[in-house]
N, C-alpha and C. Protein backbone atom coordinates (compact mmCIF):
# COMPACT_ATOMS: atom_id res chain seq x y z
N MET A 1 0.84 -1.17 0.00
CA MET A 1 0.00 0.00 0.00
C MET A 1 0.89 1.24 0.00
N ASN A 2 0.59 2.14 -0.87
CA ASN A 2 1.34 3.39 -0.89
C ASN A 2 0.43 4.60 -1.06
N LEU A 3 -0.87 4.43 -0.84
CA LEU A 3 -1.81 5.53 -0.93
C LEU A 3 -2.43 5.79 0.45
N GLY A 4 -2.39 7.04 0.87
CA GLY A 4 -3.01 7.42 2.13
C GLY A 4 -4.52 7.59 1.96
N LEU A 5 -5.20 7.86 3.07
CA LEU A 5 -6.66 7.96 3.05
C LEU A 5 -7.13 9.11 2.16
N ASN A 6 -6.52 10.28 2.29
CA ASN A 6 -6.96 11.42 1.47
C ASN A 6 -6.75 11.15 -0.02
N ASP A 7 -5.63 10.56 -0.36
CA ASP A 7 -5.34 10.23 -1.76
C ASP A 7 -6.35 9.22 -2.29
N ARG A 8 -6.71 8.25 -1.48
CA ARG A 8 -7.67 7.24 -1.91
C ARG A 8 -9.06 7.84 -2.12
N VAL A 9 -9.47 8.75 -1.22
CA VAL A 9 -10.79 9.37 -1.36
C VAL A 9 -10.85 10.23 -2.62
N VAL A 10 -9.81 11.01 -2.87
CA VAL A 10 -9.78 11.85 -4.08
C VAL A 10 -9.82 10.98 -5.33
N ARG A 11 -9.06 9.91 -5.33
CA ARG A 11 -9.06 9.01 -6.50
C ARG A 11 -10.41 8.35 -6.70
N LEU A 12 -11.06 7.94 -5.60
CA LEU A 12 -12.36 7.29 -5.71
C LEU A 12 -13.42 8.25 -6.24
N VAL A 13 -13.48 9.44 -5.68
CA VAL A 13 -14.49 10.41 -6.11
C VAL A 13 -14.25 10.82 -7.56
N SER A 14 -13.02 11.12 -7.91
CA SER A 14 -12.75 11.53 -9.30
C SER A 14 -12.95 10.36 -10.26
N GLY A 15 -12.58 9.17 -9.87
CA GLY A 15 -12.79 8.00 -10.74
C GLY A 15 -14.26 7.71 -10.97
N LEU A 16 -15.05 7.76 -9.90
CA LEU A 16 -16.49 7.54 -10.06
C LEU A 16 -17.13 8.65 -10.88
N GLY A 17 -16.62 9.89 -10.71
CA GLY A 17 -17.13 11.00 -11.51
C GLY A 17 -16.84 10.80 -12.99
N LEU A 18 -15.63 10.36 -13.31
CA LEU A 18 -15.29 10.12 -14.71
C LEU A 18 -16.09 8.96 -15.31
N VAL A 19 -16.29 7.90 -14.53
CA VAL A 19 -17.08 6.77 -15.03
C VAL A 19 -18.53 7.19 -15.23
N THR A 20 -19.06 7.99 -14.30
CA THR A 20 -20.44 8.48 -14.45
C THR A 20 -20.57 9.40 -15.66
N PHE A 21 -19.62 10.30 -15.82
CA PHE A 21 -19.64 11.20 -16.98
C PHE A 21 -19.53 10.40 -18.27
N ASP A 22 -18.71 9.35 -18.25
CA ASP A 22 -18.57 8.50 -19.44
C ASP A 22 -19.89 7.80 -19.75
N TYR A 23 -20.60 7.38 -18.72
CA TYR A 23 -21.87 6.69 -18.92
C TYR A 23 -22.94 7.64 -19.48
N LEU A 24 -22.96 8.88 -18.98
CA LEU A 24 -24.00 9.82 -19.39
C LEU A 24 -23.68 10.52 -20.71
N ALA A 25 -22.42 10.72 -21.01
CA ALA A 25 -22.04 11.47 -22.21
C ALA A 25 -21.91 10.53 -23.40
N SER A 26 -22.18 11.09 -24.55
CA SER A 26 -21.94 10.33 -25.78
C SER A 26 -20.90 11.10 -26.58
N ALA A 27 -19.66 10.83 -26.27
CA ALA A 27 -18.57 11.56 -26.91
C ALA A 27 -17.59 10.56 -27.50
N ASN A 28 -16.64 11.10 -28.25
CA ASN A 28 -15.60 10.24 -28.81
C ASN A 28 -14.55 9.89 -27.78
N TRP A 29 -14.64 10.48 -26.59
CA TRP A 29 -13.65 10.25 -25.54
C TRP A 29 -14.08 9.16 -24.56
N GLU A 30 -15.10 8.40 -24.88
CA GLU A 30 -15.66 7.45 -23.93
C GLU A 30 -14.62 6.47 -23.40
N PHE A 31 -13.83 5.89 -24.26
CA PHE A 31 -12.86 4.89 -23.82
C PHE A 31 -11.81 5.50 -22.90
N ILE A 32 -11.36 6.71 -23.21
CA ILE A 32 -10.33 7.36 -22.39
C ILE A 32 -10.90 7.73 -21.03
N LEU A 33 -12.14 8.25 -20.99
CA LEU A 33 -12.77 8.57 -19.71
C LEU A 33 -12.97 7.33 -18.87
N LEU A 34 -13.41 6.25 -19.51
CA LEU A 34 -13.61 5.00 -18.79
C LEU A 34 -12.29 4.46 -18.26
N LEU A 35 -11.24 4.57 -19.05
CA LEU A 35 -9.92 4.08 -18.63
C LEU A 35 -9.41 4.85 -17.41
N PHE A 36 -9.45 6.17 -17.45
CA PHE A 36 -8.97 6.97 -16.32
C PHE A 36 -9.88 6.81 -15.09
N GLY A 37 -11.17 6.69 -15.32
CA GLY A 37 -12.10 6.49 -14.20
C GLY A 37 -11.87 5.15 -13.52
N ALA A 38 -11.72 4.10 -14.32
CA ALA A 38 -11.47 2.77 -13.75
C ALA A 38 -10.12 2.74 -13.04
N TRP A 39 -9.12 3.43 -13.60
CA TRP A 39 -7.81 3.50 -12.95
C TRP A 39 -7.93 4.14 -11.56
N GLY A 40 -8.67 5.23 -11.47
CA GLY A 40 -8.84 5.90 -10.18
C GLY A 40 -9.58 5.03 -9.17
N VAL A 41 -10.62 4.35 -9.61
CA VAL A 41 -11.39 3.50 -8.70
C VAL A 41 -10.56 2.30 -8.25
N LEU A 42 -9.85 1.66 -9.17
CA LEU A 42 -9.07 0.48 -8.81
C LEU A 42 -7.89 0.81 -7.90
N THR A 43 -7.18 1.90 -8.19
CA THR A 43 -6.06 2.26 -7.31
C THR A 43 -6.58 2.68 -5.94
N SER A 44 -7.75 3.27 -5.88
CA SER A 44 -8.34 3.63 -4.59
C SER A 44 -8.76 2.37 -3.83
N ALA A 45 -9.34 1.42 -4.51
CA ALA A 45 -9.81 0.20 -3.85
C ALA A 45 -8.65 -0.62 -3.29
N PHE A 46 -7.56 -0.73 -4.06
CA PHE A 46 -6.43 -1.54 -3.61
C PHE A 46 -5.43 -0.75 -2.78
N GLY A 47 -5.49 0.58 -2.84
CA GLY A 47 -4.56 1.40 -2.06
C GLY A 47 -3.14 1.35 -2.59
N PHE A 48 -2.99 1.03 -3.84
CA PHE A 48 -1.66 0.88 -4.44
C PHE A 48 -1.64 1.54 -5.80
N CYS A 49 -0.62 2.36 -6.05
CA CYS A 49 -0.43 2.99 -7.35
C CYS A 49 0.94 2.58 -7.89
N PRO A 50 0.99 1.88 -9.03
CA PRO A 50 2.28 1.45 -9.56
C PRO A 50 3.20 2.62 -9.93
N PHE A 51 2.62 3.75 -10.35
CA PHE A 51 3.46 4.90 -10.69
C PHE A 51 4.12 5.48 -9.45
N TYR A 52 3.40 5.51 -8.32
CA TYR A 52 4.02 5.94 -7.07
C TYR A 52 5.17 5.01 -6.71
N ARG A 53 4.99 3.73 -6.94
CA ARG A 53 6.04 2.74 -6.62
C ARG A 53 7.28 2.99 -7.47
N ILE A 54 7.10 3.30 -8.75
CA ILE A 54 8.23 3.52 -9.65
C ILE A 54 9.05 4.72 -9.21
N ILE A 55 8.38 5.82 -8.84
CA ILE A 55 9.12 7.02 -8.46
C ILE A 55 9.48 7.05 -6.97
N GLY A 56 9.04 6.04 -6.21
CA GLY A 56 9.39 5.95 -4.80
C GLY A 56 8.60 6.87 -3.90
N HIS A 57 7.41 7.27 -4.32
CA HIS A 57 6.58 8.19 -3.54
C HIS A 57 5.51 7.40 -2.79
N THR A 58 5.17 7.84 -1.58
CA THR A 58 4.10 7.22 -0.82
C THR A 58 3.35 8.27 -0.02
N THR A 59 2.05 8.11 0.10
CA THR A 59 1.25 8.98 0.96
C THR A 59 0.66 8.18 2.11
N CYS A 60 0.99 6.91 2.19
CA CYS A 60 0.49 6.04 3.25
C CYS A 60 1.34 6.26 4.50
N PRO A 61 0.69 6.52 5.65
CA PRO A 61 1.47 6.79 6.86
C PRO A 61 2.11 5.54 7.46
N THR A 62 1.65 4.36 7.08
CA THR A 62 2.17 3.11 7.63
C THR A 62 3.30 2.60 6.76
N ASN A 63 4.36 2.14 7.40
CA ASN A 63 5.50 1.60 6.68
C ASN A 63 5.45 0.08 6.74
N PHE A 64 5.21 -0.55 5.60
CA PHE A 64 5.19 -1.99 5.53
C PHE A 64 6.54 -2.47 5.01
N THR A 65 7.37 -2.95 5.89
CA THR A 65 8.67 -3.48 5.48
C THR A 65 8.74 -4.95 5.83
N VAL A 66 9.41 -5.69 5.01
CA VAL A 66 9.60 -7.11 5.25
C VAL A 66 10.87 -7.28 6.07
N PRO A 67 10.79 -7.97 7.22
CA PRO A 67 11.99 -8.13 8.03
C PRO A 67 13.01 -9.03 7.34
N ARG A 68 14.30 -8.73 7.60
CA ARG A 68 15.36 -9.55 7.03
C ARG A 68 15.47 -10.87 7.78
N LYS A 69 16.20 -11.82 7.22
CA LYS A 69 16.29 -13.15 7.81
C LYS A 69 16.86 -13.11 9.22
N ASN A 70 17.90 -12.32 9.47
CA ASN A 70 18.47 -12.29 10.81
C ASN A 70 17.50 -11.66 11.81
N GLU A 71 16.62 -10.76 11.38
CA GLU A 71 15.61 -10.21 12.27
C GLU A 71 14.55 -11.25 12.58
N ILE A 72 14.22 -12.09 11.61
CA ILE A 72 13.24 -13.14 11.84
C ILE A 72 13.81 -14.17 12.80
N ASP A 73 15.08 -14.53 12.64
CA ASP A 73 15.70 -15.51 13.54
C ASP A 73 15.73 -15.01 14.97
N SER A 74 15.94 -13.73 15.18
CA SER A 74 15.99 -13.21 16.54
C SER A 74 14.60 -13.12 17.16
N MET A 75 13.54 -13.14 16.34
CA MET A 75 12.18 -13.07 16.87
C MET A 75 11.63 -14.44 17.24
N THR A 76 12.22 -15.51 16.75
CA THR A 76 11.68 -16.83 17.01
C THR A 76 12.11 -17.32 18.39
N ILE A 77 11.28 -18.17 18.97
CA ILE A 77 11.61 -18.78 20.25
C ILE A 77 11.59 -20.28 20.08
N ALA A 78 12.35 -20.96 20.90
CA ALA A 78 12.41 -22.42 20.82
C ALA A 78 11.25 -23.00 21.62
N ILE A 79 10.50 -23.88 21.00
CA ILE A 79 9.40 -24.56 21.68
C ILE A 79 9.86 -26.00 21.93
N PRO A 80 9.93 -26.42 23.22
CA PRO A 80 10.40 -27.78 23.51
C PRO A 80 9.40 -28.82 23.03
N TRP A 81 9.96 -29.88 22.48
CA TRP A 81 9.09 -31.00 22.05
C TRP A 81 9.73 -32.29 22.45
N PRO A 82 9.08 -33.17 23.06
CA PRO A 82 7.69 -33.13 23.50
C PRO A 82 7.53 -32.18 24.68
N PRO A 83 6.31 -31.69 24.89
CA PRO A 83 6.10 -30.74 25.98
C PRO A 83 6.30 -31.42 27.33
N PRO A 84 6.69 -30.67 28.36
CA PRO A 84 6.84 -31.26 29.68
C PRO A 84 5.51 -31.80 30.19
N MET A 85 5.54 -32.75 31.08
CA MET A 85 4.32 -33.42 31.54
C MET A 85 3.37 -32.45 32.24
N HIS A 86 3.89 -31.44 32.92
CA HIS A 86 3.00 -30.50 33.60
C HIS A 86 2.26 -29.60 32.62
N ALA A 87 2.70 -29.56 31.38
CA ALA A 87 2.05 -28.71 30.38
C ALA A 87 0.97 -29.46 29.61
N VAL A 88 0.89 -30.78 29.78
CA VAL A 88 -0.10 -31.57 29.07
C VAL A 88 -1.44 -31.44 29.79
N ALA A 89 -2.47 -31.17 29.06
CA ALA A 89 -3.80 -31.00 29.66
C ALA A 89 -4.34 -32.34 30.12
N THR A 90 -4.82 -32.38 31.34
CA THR A 90 -5.45 -33.60 31.87
C THR A 90 -6.90 -33.28 32.18
N PRO A 91 -7.78 -34.25 32.02
CA PRO A 91 -9.19 -33.99 32.30
C PRO A 91 -9.42 -33.79 33.80
N TYR A 92 -10.40 -32.98 34.14
CA TYR A 92 -10.73 -32.73 35.53
C TYR A 92 -11.70 -33.80 36.00
N LEU A 93 -11.35 -34.47 37.08
CA LEU A 93 -12.24 -35.44 37.69
C LEU A 93 -12.56 -34.97 39.09
N PRO A 94 -13.82 -34.98 39.46
CA PRO A 94 -14.17 -34.56 40.82
C PRO A 94 -13.51 -35.48 41.85
N PRO A 95 -13.19 -34.97 43.05
CA PRO A 95 -12.49 -35.77 44.06
C PRO A 95 -13.26 -36.98 44.54
N ASP A 96 -14.60 -36.97 44.56
CA ASP A 96 -15.35 -38.11 45.08
C ASP A 96 -15.28 -39.31 44.16
N LEU A 97 -14.91 -39.18 42.91
CA LEU A 97 -14.76 -40.35 42.03
C LEU A 97 -13.52 -41.14 42.38
N PHE A 98 -12.54 -40.51 43.03
CA PHE A 98 -11.32 -41.23 43.41
C PHE A 98 -11.57 -42.12 44.63
N ASN A 99 -12.52 -41.80 45.44
CA ASN A 99 -12.77 -42.54 46.69
C ASN A 99 -13.58 -43.80 46.48
N SER A 100 -14.18 -44.04 45.38
CA SER A 100 -15.03 -45.22 45.22
C SER A 100 -14.26 -46.44 44.79
């Protein structure tokens, strides 16, 4: 994602406006209006613009980075297997069943 909320809203409104104008108008520009309108709606829906990616621009406030392998290794913990006996779930039996 590289589109912020304001950018997405502007693209959605302008894209829907162009698609609506294309639907209502009978002009020689129908295909171009439909193309730009669909582009605005789709980039708004997915929150991603390939042209922003090419030039390295982003309006999204969140930074989505993929951690490197050594960062992933430091985040993992060792899980013992088999688990210790105190960690195994045992069914609860009422105390009076043991006395019979």
